[in-house]
């Protein structure tokens, strides 16, 4: 999601955010009217940039979200994501987070 957010802010596609691009993006996010915010969020979720949110876009979105893992110690337990979430939880190391997304 962070990469997609960056891409939407990077209007000139030079892989860097100028001060103007950065501030314009923040203004769009925090100070724009409701419809402008909706368009901004839509741009973020339209991963392929085709003007529509497809099943593939939804799949990309869902696979980038924190996950719940099943662990086995004789019994199956639901375990929340890990220290890389706000609440903390099961996946202690970044590698576990990557494994859970795969």
C-alpha atoms as a PDB file:
ATOM      1  CA  UNK A   1       0.000   0.000   0.000  1.00  0.00           C
ATOM      2  CA  UNK A   2       2.845   2.368   0.776  1.00  0.00           C
ATOM      3  CA  UNK A   3       4.318   1.803  -2.668  1.00  0.00           C
ATOM      4  CA  UNK A   4       0.970   2.515  -4.312  1.00  0.00           C
ATOM      5  CA  UNK A   5       0.465   5.641  -2.187  1.00  0.00           C
ATOM      6  CA  UNK A   6       3.924   6.839  -3.239  1.00  0.00           C
ATOM      7  CA  UNK A   7       3.136   6.150  -6.913  1.00  0.00           C
ATOM      8  CA  UNK A   8      -0.044   8.261  -6.756  1.00  0.00           C
ATOM      9  CA  UNK A   9       1.902  11.132  -5.158  1.00  0.00           C
ATOM     10  CA  UNK A  10       4.730  10.873  -7.723  1.00  0.00           C
ATOM     11  CA  UNK A  11       2.910  12.721 -10.509  1.00  0.00           C
ATOM     12  CA  UNK A  12       5.935  13.058 -12.816  1.00  0.00           C
ATOM     13  CA  UNK A  13       6.931   9.370 -12.303  1.00  0.00           C
ATOM     14  CA  UNK A  14      10.586  10.159 -11.560  1.00  0.00           C
ATOM     15  CA  UNK A  15      10.679   7.860  -8.479  1.00  0.00           C
ATOM     16  CA  UNK A  16      11.140  10.869  -6.194  1.00  0.00           C
ATOM     17  CA  UNK A  17       8.677  13.204  -4.538  1.00  0.00           C
ATOM     18  CA  UNK A  18       9.355  16.862  -5.032  1.00  0.00           C
ATOM     19  CA  UNK A  19       8.257  19.209  -2.287  1.00  0.00           C
ATOM     20  CA  UNK A  20       5.313  20.242  -4.468  1.00  0.00           C
ATOM     21  CA  UNK A  21       4.211  16.623  -5.097  1.00  0.00           C
ATOM     22  CA  UNK A  22       4.494  15.787  -1.402  1.00  0.00           C
ATOM     23  CA  UNK A  23       2.550  18.833  -0.220  1.00  0.00           C
ATOM     24  CA  UNK A  24      -0.055  18.487  -2.968  1.00  0.00           C
ATOM     25  CA  UNK A  25      -0.607  14.876  -1.920  1.00  0.00           C
ATOM     26  CA  UNK A  26      -1.018  15.841   1.732  1.00  0.00           C
ATOM     27  CA  UNK A  27      -3.418  18.617   0.780  1.00  0.00           C
ATOM     28  CA  UNK A  28      -5.442  16.157  -1.330  1.00  0.00           C
ATOM     29  CA  UNK A  29      -5.576  13.757   1.588  1.00  0.00           C
ATOM     30  CA  UNK A  30      -6.269  16.147   4.453  1.00  0.00           C
ATOM     31  CA  UNK A  31      -7.679  19.399   3.082  1.00  0.00           C
ATOM     32  CA  UNK A  32      -9.700  18.493   0.007  1.00  0.00           C
ATOM     33  CA  UNK A  33     -13.430  18.152  -0.361  1.00  0.00           C
ATOM     34  CA  UNK A  34     -15.035  14.757   0.168  1.00  0.00           C
ATOM     35  CA  UNK A  35     -15.342  13.920  -3.550  1.00  0.00           C
ATOM     36  CA  UNK A  36     -11.683  14.808  -4.128  1.00  0.00           C
ATOM     37  CA  UNK A  37     -10.679  12.523  -1.258  1.00  0.00           C
ATOM     38  CA  UNK A  38     -12.764   9.719  -2.743  1.00  0.00           C
ATOM     39  CA  UNK A  39     -10.978  10.160  -6.088  1.00  0.00           C
ATOM     40  CA  UNK A  40      -7.599  10.145  -4.334  1.00  0.00           C
ATOM     41  CA  UNK A  41      -8.379   6.916  -2.470  1.00  0.00           C
ATOM     42  CA  UNK A  42      -9.741   5.384  -5.681  1.00  0.00           C
ATOM     43  CA  UNK A  43      -6.439   6.170  -7.440  1.00  0.00           C
ATOM     44  CA  UNK A  44      -4.575   4.351  -4.676  1.00  0.00           C
ATOM     45  CA  UNK A  45      -6.733   1.219  -4.958  1.00  0.00           C
ATOM     46  CA  UNK A  46      -6.752   1.194  -8.769  1.00  0.00           C
ATOM     47  CA  UNK A  47      -3.421  -0.646  -8.868  1.00  0.00           C
ATOM     48  CA  UNK A  48      -3.269  -1.030 -12.637  1.00  0.00           C
ATOM     49  CA  UNK A  49      -4.403   2.539 -13.314  1.00  0.00           C
ATOM     50  CA  UNK A  50      -7.181   1.580 -15.733  1.00  0.00           C
ATOM     51  CA  UNK A  51      -9.872   3.705 -14.071  1.00  0.00           C
ATOM     52  CA  UNK A  52     -11.656   0.668 -12.622  1.00  0.00           C
ATOM     53  CA  UNK A  53     -11.130  -1.493  -9.571  1.00  0.00           C
ATOM     54  CA  UNK A  54     -10.906  -5.049 -10.848  1.00  0.00           C
ATOM     55  CA  UNK A  55     -10.823  -8.415  -9.101  1.00  0.00           C
ATOM     56  CA  UNK A  56      -7.053  -8.344  -9.549  1.00  0.00           C
ATOM     57  CA  UNK A  57      -6.893  -4.966  -7.772  1.00  0.00           C
ATOM     58  CA  UNK A  58      -8.945  -6.385  -4.886  1.00  0.00           C
ATOM     59  CA  UNK A  59      -6.670  -9.433  -4.720  1.00  0.00           C
ATOM     60  CA  UNK A  60      -3.633  -7.155  -4.583  1.00  0.00           C
ATOM     61  CA  UNK A  61      -5.267  -5.145  -1.820  1.00  0.00           C
ATOM     62  CA  UNK A  62      -6.205  -8.176   0.250  1.00  0.00           C
ATOM     63  CA  UNK A  63      -2.797  -9.808  -0.064  1.00  0.00           C
ATOM     64  CA  UNK A  64      -1.115  -6.626   1.179  1.00  0.00           C
ATOM     65  CA  UNK A  65      -3.208  -6.477   4.347  1.00  0.00           C
ATOM     66  CA  UNK A  66      -2.043  -7.942   7.656  1.00  0.00           C
ATOM     67  CA  UNK A  67      -3.050 -11.556   7.961  1.00  0.00           C
ATOM     68  CA  UNK A  68      -4.159 -14.040  10.568  1.00  0.00           C
ATOM     69  CA  UNK A  69      -2.078 -17.195  10.717  1.00  0.00           C
ATOM     70  CA  UNK A  70      -2.902 -20.702  11.761  1.00  0.00           C
ATOM     71  CA  UNK A  71      -0.296 -22.314  13.996  1.00  0.00           C
ATOM     72  CA  UNK A  72       0.004 -25.893  15.081  1.00  0.00           C
ATOM     73  CA  UNK A  73       1.098 -27.221  18.450  1.00  0.00           C
ATOM     74  CA  UNK A  74      -1.154 -30.218  18.409  1.00  0.00           C
ATOM     75  CA  UNK A  75      -4.063 -27.843  18.080  1.00  0.00           C
ATOM     76  CA  UNK A  76      -4.835 -25.078  15.643  1.00  0.00           C
ATOM     77  CA  UNK A  77      -4.943 -21.554  17.018  1.00  0.00           C
ATOM     78  CA  UNK A  78      -5.634 -18.273  15.327  1.00  0.00           C
ATOM     79  CA  UNK A  79      -2.714 -15.966  15.849  1.00  0.00           C
ATOM     80  CA  UNK A  80      -2.800 -12.258  15.079  1.00  0.00           C
ATOM     81  CA  UNK A  81      -0.224 -10.695  12.791  1.00  0.00           C
ATOM     82  CA  UNK A  82       2.756  -9.469  14.780  1.00  0.00           C
ATOM     83  CA  UNK A  83       4.855  -6.652  16.062  1.00  0.00           C
ATOM     84  CA  UNK A  84       4.526  -4.929  12.682  1.00  0.00           C
ATOM     85  CA  UNK A  85       0.876  -4.179  13.450  1.00  0.00           C
ATOM     86  CA  UNK A  86      -0.362  -1.517  15.852  1.00  0.00           C
ATOM     87  CA  UNK A  87      -1.462  -4.001  18.490  1.00  0.00           C
ATOM     88  CA  UNK A  88       1.422  -6.459  18.231  1.00  0.00           C
ATOM     89  CA  UNK A  89       0.858 -10.169  18.200  1.00  0.00           C
ATOM     90  CA  UNK A  90       2.091 -13.446  16.828  1.00  0.00           C
ATOM     91  CA  UNK A  91       4.591 -12.844  14.017  1.00  0.00           C
ATOM     92  CA  UNK A  92       7.673 -11.729  15.876  1.00  0.00           C
ATOM     93  CA  UNK A  93       9.995 -11.421  12.900  1.00  0.00           C
ATOM     94  CA  UNK A  94       9.617  -9.686   9.568  1.00  0.00           C
ATOM     95  CA  UNK A  95      10.341 -13.006   7.807  1.00  0.00           C
ATOM     96  CA  UNK A  96       7.251 -14.529   9.453  1.00  0.00           C
ATOM     97  CA  UNK A  97       5.179 -11.659   8.097  1.00  0.00           C
ATOM     98  CA  UNK A  98       6.500 -12.264   4.584  1.00  0.00           C
ATOM     99  CA  UNK A  99       5.834 -16.011   4.918  1.00  0.00           C
ATOM    100  CA  UNK A 100       2.269 -15.361   6.059  1.00  0.00           C
ATOM    101  CA  UNK A 101       1.583 -13.184   3.003  1.00  0.00           C
ATOM    102  CA  UNK A 102       2.954 -15.814   0.645  1.00  0.00           C
END
